[in-house]
Protein backbone atom coordinates (compact mmCIF):
# COMPACT_ATOMS: atom_id res chain seq x y z
CA MET A 1 59.41 58.76 -79.10
CA MET A 2 59.23 57.71 -82.76
CA ARG A 3 59.06 54.04 -81.70
CA TYR A 4 56.10 54.79 -79.41
CA PHE A 5 54.45 56.74 -82.24
CA ASN A 6 54.92 53.86 -84.69
CA ILE A 7 53.54 51.29 -82.25
CA ASN A 8 50.57 53.55 -81.49
CA MET A 9 49.86 54.03 -85.19
CA LYS A 10 50.04 50.28 -85.81
CA ASN A 11 47.63 49.62 -82.96
CA LYS A 12 45.21 52.20 -84.32
CA ALA A 13 45.52 50.79 -87.83
CA GLY A 14 44.90 47.28 -86.52
CA LYS A 15 41.82 48.36 -84.60
CA PHE A 16 40.53 50.28 -87.62
CA ILE A 17 40.92 47.22 -89.87
CA GLN A 18 39.22 45.06 -87.26
CA ARG A 19 36.26 47.47 -86.98
CA LEU A 20 36.05 47.69 -90.77
CA SER A 21 36.03 43.90 -91.06
CA PHE A 22 33.24 43.53 -88.51
CA ALA A 23 31.24 46.31 -90.18
CA ALA A 24 31.52 44.55 -93.55
CA ILE A 25 30.61 41.15 -92.17
CA ASN A 26 27.62 42.43 -90.20
CA ILE A 27 25.59 42.42 -93.42
CA PHE A 28 25.36 38.65 -92.93
CA GLU A 29 23.31 39.08 -89.76
CA SER A 30 20.40 40.23 -91.90
CA PRO A 31 18.58 37.32 -93.62
CA TRP A 32 18.03 39.31 -96.82
CA GLY A 33 21.51 40.80 -96.76
CA ALA A 34 23.07 37.37 -96.19
CA ALA A 35 21.04 35.75 -98.97
CA PHE A 36 21.87 38.40 -101.56
CA ALA A 37 25.54 38.60 -100.58
CA ALA A 38 25.85 34.81 -100.80
CA LEU A 39 24.01 34.80 -104.13
CA PHE A 40 26.43 37.38 -105.52
CA ILE A 41 29.50 35.39 -104.45
CA TYR A 42 28.05 32.03 -105.54
CA LEU A 43 27.21 33.51 -108.96
CA LEU A 44 30.73 34.91 -109.32
CA VAL A 45 32.28 31.56 -108.40
CA SER A 46 30.00 29.59 -110.70
CA ALA A 47 30.65 32.04 -113.56
CA TYR A 48 34.40 31.80 -112.93
CA THR A 49 34.25 28.01 -113.13
CA GLY A 50 32.02 28.15 -116.22
CA TYR A 51 29.34 25.91 -114.74
CA ILE A 52 26.60 28.53 -114.54
CA PHE A 53 26.32 28.61 -118.33
CA ARG A 54 25.23 25.00 -118.80
CA ARG A 55 23.07 22.34 -117.25
CA SER A 56 24.99 19.49 -115.64
CA ASP A 57 24.93 16.00 -117.16
CA GLN A 58 23.42 14.66 -113.93
CA ALA A 59 20.37 16.93 -113.67
CA TYR A 60 18.34 13.81 -112.93
CA TYR A 61 15.62 15.54 -110.94
CA ASN A 62 14.65 17.36 -114.14
CA TYR A 63 14.03 14.03 -115.83
CA LEU A 64 12.10 12.61 -112.89
CA ALA A 65 9.90 15.71 -112.76
CA ASP A 66 9.26 15.22 -116.48
CA ALA A 67 8.33 11.58 -115.82
CA PHE A 68 5.88 12.59 -113.06
CA LEU A 69 4.27 15.12 -115.42
CA HIS A 70 3.63 12.24 -117.82
CA GLY A 71 2.21 9.94 -115.16
CA GLN A 72 5.14 7.55 -114.69
CA THR A 73 7.90 6.87 -112.18
CA TRP A 74 10.64 5.82 -114.62
CA LEU A 75 12.51 8.26 -116.82
CA ARG A 76 10.76 9.12 -120.07
CA GLN A 77 13.91 10.66 -121.55
CA THR A 78 17.47 9.38 -121.19
CA PRO A 79 19.98 11.78 -119.58
CA PRO A 80 23.45 12.23 -121.10
CA SER A 81 24.93 10.43 -118.07
CA LEU A 82 23.62 7.23 -116.46
CA LEU A 83 25.95 7.23 -113.45
CA ASP A 84 24.17 6.07 -110.27
CA LEU A 85 20.77 5.70 -111.93
CA SER A 86 18.88 2.49 -111.15
CA TYR A 87 18.23 0.09 -114.04
CA PHE A 88 15.29 -2.26 -113.48
CA ASN A 89 13.03 -4.10 -115.95
CA ASP A 90 14.65 -2.22 -118.86
CA LYS A 91 13.72 1.13 -117.30
CA LEU A 92 15.75 3.87 -115.64
CA PHE A 93 14.81 5.13 -112.17
CA LEU A 94 16.27 7.42 -109.50
CA TYR A 95 17.10 5.78 -106.20
CA TRP A 96 17.07 9.25 -104.59
CA ALA A 97 13.82 10.21 -102.86
CA PRO A 98 11.46 12.26 -105.06
CA PHE A 99 10.72 15.52 -103.23
CA PRO A 100 13.12 17.74 -105.26
CA ALA A 101 11.54 16.45 -108.49
CA ILE A 102 8.06 17.23 -107.13
CA LEU A 103 9.18 20.80 -106.39
CA LEU A 104 10.54 21.14 -109.92
CA MET A 105 7.43 19.92 -111.73
CA PRO A 106 5.95 23.40 -112.46
CA PHE A 107 9.28 24.64 -113.81
CA ILE A 108 9.90 21.55 -115.94
CA ALA A 109 6.37 21.90 -117.32
CA ILE A 110 7.36 25.36 -118.56
CA PHE A 111 11.06 25.01 -119.46
CA GLY A 112 11.50 21.28 -120.03
CA VAL A 113 14.35 19.03 -118.90
CA GLN A 114 16.93 21.54 -120.17
CA LEU A 115 16.27 23.73 -117.12
CA ASN A 116 19.65 24.77 -115.71
CA ASP A 117 20.13 22.78 -112.49
CA VAL A 118 23.28 24.73 -111.67
CA MET A 119 21.28 27.94 -111.48
CA TYR A 120 18.39 26.69 -109.38
CA THR A 121 20.73 24.82 -107.03
CA LEU A 122 22.73 28.00 -106.58
CA LEU A 123 19.59 30.05 -105.88
CA ILE A 124 18.39 27.61 -103.23
CA ALA A 125 21.88 27.56 -101.70
CA ALA A 126 21.77 31.35 -101.35
CA LEU A 127 18.32 31.01 -99.77
CA ASN A 128 19.85 28.59 -97.25
CA VAL A 129 22.30 31.28 -96.15
CA GLY A 130 19.46 33.71 -95.53
CA LEU A 131 17.51 31.06 -93.63
CA ILE A 132 20.51 30.34 -91.41
CA ALA A 133 20.67 34.07 -90.59
CA GLN A 134 16.97 33.99 -89.73
CA LEU A 135 17.41 30.84 -87.63
CA LEU A 136 20.18 32.39 -85.53
CA ARG A 137 18.24 35.63 -85.16
CA THR A 138 15.08 33.78 -84.09
CA ALA A 139 16.94 31.43 -81.72
CA THR A 140 18.50 34.47 -80.06
CA LYS A 141 15.16 36.27 -79.83
CA VAL A 142 13.51 33.36 -77.98
CA GLY A 143 16.48 33.07 -75.61
CA PHE A 144 17.82 29.76 -76.88
CA LEU A 145 21.06 31.45 -77.98
CA HIS A 146 22.87 34.39 -76.40
CA LEU A 147 24.80 35.86 -79.29
CA SER A 148 25.68 39.39 -80.32
CA LYS A 149 24.80 40.64 -83.77
CA THR A 150 28.44 40.39 -84.79
CA LYS A 151 28.79 36.77 -83.72
CA ARG A 152 25.61 35.82 -85.55
CA ALA A 153 26.97 37.51 -88.67
CA ILE A 154 30.27 35.65 -88.36
CA LEU A 155 28.46 32.31 -88.02
CA VAL A 156 26.36 32.99 -91.12
CA PHE A 157 29.44 34.06 -93.08
CA PHE A 158 31.18 30.93 -91.83
CA PHE A 159 28.32 28.71 -93.00
CA ALA A 160 28.16 30.38 -96.42
CA PHE A 161 31.86 30.20 -97.26
CA GLY A 162 33.61 28.11 -94.61
CA THR A 163 31.68 24.84 -94.78
CA VAL A 164 31.12 22.16 -97.38
CA HIS A 165 27.93 23.99 -98.41
CA PHE A 166 30.22 26.33 -100.38
CA THR A 167 31.49 23.46 -102.56
CA LEU A 168 27.95 22.21 -103.29
CA ALA A 169 26.37 25.53 -104.29
CA PRO A 170 28.04 26.37 -107.65
CA PHE A 171 28.00 23.06 -109.55
CA GLY A 172 24.51 21.55 -109.76
CA THR A 173 24.16 17.73 -110.27
CA VAL A 174 21.64 15.46 -108.56
CA TRP A 175 23.94 14.85 -105.59
CA HIS A 176 24.45 18.52 -104.77
CA THR A 177 20.88 19.55 -105.55
CA GLY A 178 19.47 16.87 -103.24
CA GLN A 179 21.69 17.88 -100.35
CA ILE A 180 20.98 21.59 -100.80
CA ILE A 181 17.19 21.07 -100.88
CA GLY A 182 17.27 18.61 -97.99
CA PHE A 183 19.18 21.19 -96.00
CA THR A 184 16.54 23.82 -96.79
CA CYS A 185 13.83 21.57 -95.38
CA THR A 186 15.88 20.93 -92.24
CA ILE A 187 16.35 24.65 -91.57
CA LEU A 188 12.62 25.22 -92.03
CA ALA A 189 11.87 22.50 -89.47
CA TYR A 190 14.12 24.18 -86.89
CA LEU A 191 12.69 27.61 -87.71
CA ALA A 192 9.15 26.30 -87.22
CA ALA A 193 10.08 24.89 -83.82
CA PHE A 194 11.58 28.19 -82.66
CA SER A 195 9.03 30.52 -84.29
CA LEU A 196 5.67 28.86 -83.70
CA GLN A 197 3.81 27.52 -80.70
CA GLY A 198 1.50 24.66 -79.81
CA ALA A 199 0.02 22.28 -82.38
CA LYS A 200 0.93 24.65 -85.23
CA ALA A 201 4.62 24.39 -84.33
CA TRP A 202 4.46 20.60 -84.22
CA PHE A 203 2.62 20.37 -87.55
CA PHE A 204 4.90 22.66 -89.54
CA THR A 205 8.02 21.13 -87.99
CA GLY A 206 6.75 17.70 -89.03
CA LEU A 207 5.82 18.99 -92.47
CA ALA A 208 9.30 20.42 -93.08
CA LEU A 209 10.90 17.21 -91.82
CA SER A 210 8.69 15.28 -94.24
CA GLY A 211 10.22 17.24 -97.10
CA ALA A 212 13.68 16.52 -95.70
CA MET A 213 12.94 12.80 -95.37
CA LEU A 214 11.54 12.66 -98.92
CA THR A 215 14.80 14.20 -100.14
CA ARG A 216 17.39 12.35 -98.05
CA ASN A 217 15.86 9.73 -95.78
CA GLN A 218 18.29 10.10 -92.86
CA LEU A 219 17.41 13.78 -92.49
CA VAL A 220 14.32 12.76 -90.55
CA PHE A 221 16.64 12.11 -87.59
CA THR A 222 17.64 15.77 -87.49
CA GLY A 223 14.11 16.24 -86.18
CA ILE A 224 15.05 14.73 -82.82
CA PHE A 225 16.08 18.14 -81.49
CA PRO A 226 13.13 20.27 -82.69
CA PHE A 227 10.62 17.71 -81.42
CA MET A 228 12.41 17.48 -78.07
CA TYR A 229 12.53 21.27 -77.88
CA LEU A 230 8.79 21.51 -78.56
CA PHE A 231 8.09 18.79 -76.02
CA PHE A 232 9.93 20.63 -73.25
CA GLN A 233 8.26 23.90 -74.25
CA GLN A 234 4.80 22.32 -73.97
CA LYS A 235 5.26 19.67 -71.28
CA SER A 236 3.40 21.79 -68.71
CA ASP A 237 0.22 21.62 -70.83
CA ASN A 238 -2.41 19.06 -69.97
CA ARG A 239 -1.73 15.58 -71.31
CA ILE A 240 -4.47 15.54 -73.94
CA ARG A 241 -3.35 18.82 -75.49
CA LEU A 242 0.25 17.61 -75.54
CA LEU A 243 -0.71 14.33 -77.19
CA GLN A 244 -2.77 16.19 -79.79
CA SER A 245 0.20 18.40 -80.60
CA ILE A 246 2.53 15.42 -80.94
CA ALA A 247 0.00 13.74 -83.22
CA MET A 248 -0.06 16.87 -85.40
CA GLY A 249 3.72 16.65 -85.75
CA LEU A 250 3.66 12.95 -86.61
CA LEU A 251 0.77 13.23 -89.07
CA PRO A 252 2.69 14.67 -92.07
CA LEU A 253 5.64 12.36 -91.34
CA THR A 254 3.38 9.30 -91.32
CA ILE A 255 1.64 10.30 -94.55
CA SER A 256 5.00 10.98 -96.21
CA LEU A 257 6.43 7.64 -95.07
CA VAL A 258 3.42 5.74 -96.42
CA PHE A 259 3.70 7.66 -99.70
CA TYR A 260 7.39 6.84 -99.99
CA LEU A 261 6.91 3.14 -99.28
CA LEU A 262 4.11 2.91 -101.87
CA TYR A 263 6.30 4.83 -104.32
CA ASN A 264 8.98 2.15 -103.87
CA ASP A 265 6.44 -0.63 -104.26
CA VAL A 266 5.10 0.82 -107.50
CA ARG A 267 8.61 1.01 -108.95
CA PHE A 268 10.29 -2.15 -107.68
CA GLY A 269 7.55 -4.32 -106.20
CA ARG A 270 8.94 -3.97 -102.67
CA LEU A 271 8.16 -1.39 -100.02
CA PHE A 272 11.75 -1.08 -98.76
CA GLU A 273 13.57 -1.17 -102.11
CA SER A 274 14.54 2.35 -103.16
CA GLY A 275 16.57 1.22 -106.15
CA VAL A 276 20.04 1.25 -104.61
CA ASN A 277 20.45 -2.45 -105.34
CA TYR A 278 19.95 -1.79 -109.07
CA GLN A 279 22.29 1.18 -109.17
CA LEU A 280 24.58 1.77 -112.16
CA MET A 281 27.40 2.66 -109.82
CA SER A 282 31.00 3.48 -110.57
CA ASN A 283 33.32 0.50 -111.07
CA PHE A 284 35.29 1.93 -108.16
CA TYR A 285 32.57 0.61 -105.82
CA ARG A 286 31.43 -2.49 -107.68
CA SER A 287 33.54 -5.11 -105.90
CA SER A 288 32.71 -3.67 -102.45
CA PHE A 289 29.01 -3.63 -103.28
CA GLU A 290 29.01 -7.24 -104.42
CA GLN A 291 30.78 -8.32 -101.23
CA PHE A 292 29.23 -6.09 -98.56
CA GLY A 293 26.18 -4.36 -100.07
CA VAL A 294 25.33 -0.66 -99.77
CA PHE A 295 25.39 -0.39 -95.95
CA ASP A 296 27.83 -2.32 -93.80
CA LEU A 297 30.16 -1.91 -90.81
CA HIS A 298 32.98 -2.69 -93.22
CA TYR A 299 32.82 0.90 -94.50
CA LEU A 300 32.97 2.51 -91.04
CA PRO A 301 36.79 2.96 -90.73
CA THR A 302 37.08 4.46 -94.22
CA ASN A 303 34.21 6.88 -93.70
CA LEU A 304 35.48 7.94 -90.28
CA TYR A 305 38.91 8.61 -91.73
CA TYR A 306 37.76 10.68 -94.72
CA GLN A 307 35.15 12.65 -92.80
CA TYR A 308 37.00 13.43 -89.58
CA ILE A 309 40.75 12.85 -89.95
CA PHE A 310 41.98 13.23 -93.55
CA TYR A 311 43.41 16.59 -94.63
CA PRO A 312 43.12 17.05 -98.43
CA PHE A 313 45.78 19.73 -98.97
CA PRO A 314 48.02 19.93 -100.86
CA TYR A 315 45.86 18.43 -103.55
CA ARG A 316 46.50 14.83 -104.61
CA PRO A 317 44.24 12.17 -106.22
CA GLU A 318 43.03 11.03 -102.80
CA SER A 319 41.80 14.54 -101.96
CA ILE A 320 38.48 14.04 -103.75
CA MET A 321 37.54 11.40 -101.16
CA GLY A 322 36.66 14.03 -98.56
CA GLY A 323 38.35 15.89 -95.73
CA SER A 324 38.16 16.39 -92.00
CA LEU A 325 35.03 18.25 -90.91
CA PHE A 326 36.81 19.99 -88.04
CA LEU A 327 40.21 20.61 -89.64
CA LEU A 328 38.64 22.22 -92.71
CA SER A 329 36.05 24.16 -90.68
CA PRO A 330 37.86 24.74 -87.36
CA LEU A 331 35.15 27.03 -85.97
CA PHE A 332 33.11 23.82 -85.51
CA PHE A 333 35.49 22.95 -82.65
CA GLY A 334 33.42 25.45 -80.71
CA ALA A 335 30.64 22.83 -80.54
CA PHE A 336 32.68 20.80 -78.05
CA PHE A 337 32.66 23.72 -75.60
CA THR A 338 28.96 23.03 -75.02
CA PHE A 339 29.99 20.24 -72.63
CA TRP A 340 31.07 22.96 -70.17
CA LYS A 341 27.70 24.72 -70.24
CA PRO A 342 25.50 22.82 -67.76
CA ARG A 343 22.61 25.29 -68.00
CA SER A 344 21.78 24.03 -71.50
CA VAL A 345 22.48 20.34 -70.93
CA LEU A 346 19.13 19.04 -72.28
CA ASN A 347 19.36 21.17 -75.41
CA THR A 348 22.98 20.20 -75.86
CA LEU A 349 22.30 16.48 -75.51
CA SER A 350 19.35 16.50 -77.91
CA LEU A 351 21.39 18.42 -80.50
CA TRP A 352 24.29 15.99 -80.20
CA PHE A 353 21.88 13.06 -80.36
CA SER A 354 20.36 14.45 -83.57
CA ILE A 355 23.85 14.56 -85.08
CA LEU A 356 24.88 11.09 -83.93
CA ILE A 357 21.74 9.34 -85.20
CA THR A 358 21.79 11.20 -88.54
CA ASN A 359 25.46 10.26 -88.89
CA ILE A 360 24.92 6.49 -88.55
CA PRO A 361 23.82 5.79 -92.15
CA ILE A 362 26.43 8.26 -93.40
CA LEU A 363 29.21 6.29 -91.70
CA LEU A 364 27.91 2.92 -92.89
CA VAL A 365 27.27 3.76 -96.55
CA ILE A 366 29.47 2.35 -99.32
CA GLY A 367 30.88 5.69 -100.53
CA THR A 368 32.49 8.66 -98.85
CA GLY A 369 30.68 11.10 -101.15
CA TYR A 370 33.41 11.72 -103.70
CA TRP A 371 33.95 13.70 -105.96
CA GLN A 372 34.29 16.27 -103.23
CA ILE A 373 36.66 18.43 -101.25
CA GLY A 374 35.49 18.21 -97.67
CA PRO A 375 32.91 15.84 -96.14
CA ARG A 376 29.77 16.73 -98.11
CA TYR A 377 27.56 14.19 -96.35
CA THR A 378 28.08 16.05 -93.07
CA LEU A 379 25.94 18.88 -94.45
CA ASP A 380 23.02 16.66 -93.39
CA PHE A 381 23.62 17.50 -89.73
CA THR A 382 25.11 20.97 -90.10
CA VAL A 383 22.02 22.72 -88.70
CA PRO A 384 22.29 21.13 -85.22
CA LEU A 385 26.09 21.35 -85.40
CA LEU A 386 25.91 25.07 -86.15
CA LEU A 387 23.58 25.60 -83.19
CA LEU A 388 25.98 23.72 -80.92
CA THR A 389 28.81 25.87 -82.22
CA ALA A 390 26.77 28.99 -81.52
CA ILE A 391 26.23 27.84 -77.93
CA GLY A 392 29.88 26.88 -77.51
CA ILE A 393 31.35 30.19 -78.68
CA THR A 394 29.01 32.39 -76.59
CA ASN A 395 31.91 33.72 -74.48
CA TRP A 396 34.54 33.80 -77.23
CA LYS A 397 35.93 37.06 -78.51
CA PRO A 398 34.54 37.78 -81.99
CA ILE A 399 38.04 38.12 -83.44
CA ILE A 400 38.79 34.46 -82.60
CA ALA A 401 35.64 33.30 -84.36
CA LEU A 402 36.48 35.52 -87.33
CA ILE A 403 40.04 34.18 -87.66
CA LEU A 404 38.80 30.58 -87.60
CA THR A 405 36.17 31.50 -90.17
CA ILE A 406 38.79 32.99 -92.50
CA ILE A 407 40.85 29.80 -92.23
CA SER A 408 37.74 27.79 -93.10
CA MET A 409 36.96 30.05 -96.05
CA ILE A 410 40.48 29.68 -97.46
CA HIS A 411 40.12 25.89 -97.31
CA TYR A 412 36.87 25.89 -99.23
CA LEU A 413 37.95 28.51 -101.75
CA LEU A 414 40.79 26.15 -102.59
CA GLY A 415 38.28 23.30 -102.68
CA VAL A 416 35.95 25.07 -105.09
CA ASN A 417 38.85 25.91 -107.38
CA ILE A 418 40.04 22.29 -107.38
CA LEU A 419 36.57 20.89 -108.06
CA SER A 420 36.05 23.32 -110.94
CA GLN A 421 39.11 21.84 -112.64
CA ILE A 422 38.46 18.14 -112.11
CA LYS A 423 34.66 17.84 -112.43
């Protein structure tokens, strides 16, 4: 009798803890709740590491914004670090695309180059979490996804603390800031595609993708899915109206591309020279660069290994090279279950295609993205990957998704702690 009583009490206690966990995590289904909860945690982490109290040495977008405000494309002031800047004709440039600096211009005009990049990167990262919550809510509302409130909350919580986004949010630096802002633009493109209709949807999707492209060039390929989605939504319209809508989507992208090419020409005298060939890169990469250049098939095996196979724990010097996307964030394995969902085959294929094309330059680039714990470059295609995961786990029990999320969170909590000690 006592044994039955004990087992019954344990079962009740387990169910109570499970209900309590789901109740706590459901705050992440709300866009505002998710954003503020993520902001609170990101602030705590950044304060714990000490980074929130100072600007990073690589707040290069601050300096580029300052240069733009003074009518020039080269840096007017010299940052404390020159790592990865481009040196050409006795001037310092950024090889990164300029959109984040353009966004910062009003703030730099007020606060100067000492503006804390750790803080504004962290704020935008928290905004990303709220936007992901809104994206999942909107995609469910229009019938693209079929997820309960609890599963949406788990996916948002997973994104906030169980992906490489968590290791980018608290530290600032030009590398992290660029990826965080590029990600924001990508989410906005997908939200525009799901939320709007007709020519307006095409235009604002193209506009958001323009911001993404002018932050990290390869992010333009994440637009394959939203444009395909809009095409299939509107394909029954007459041909002229459809062509007009497509033109509205391509218009901001075309203008942005022309602007970017002219921006390169003004700086380096060549339309397709972004400055990477004049980069003051780490000596770690110098010999490879001189032999193979910035992009080459030679780098493919290394990048594949550190982004999809390598497991960085326990920590060792090699750990800062990256880490397996799926081993560190095992909930992403759910994306592969989309292959057994024939009803959404066109959506599935266009999402996978967006990932594969975006991933090509990532796999061919000279560096793996270090210093990092986890594959930070894969954040570039996390929006379509998260949607695939959402489709794949439709029939999963929430507790399975939650357990995999907790495993992911533990990985990245360890990663944040390691990075705070070695950066």
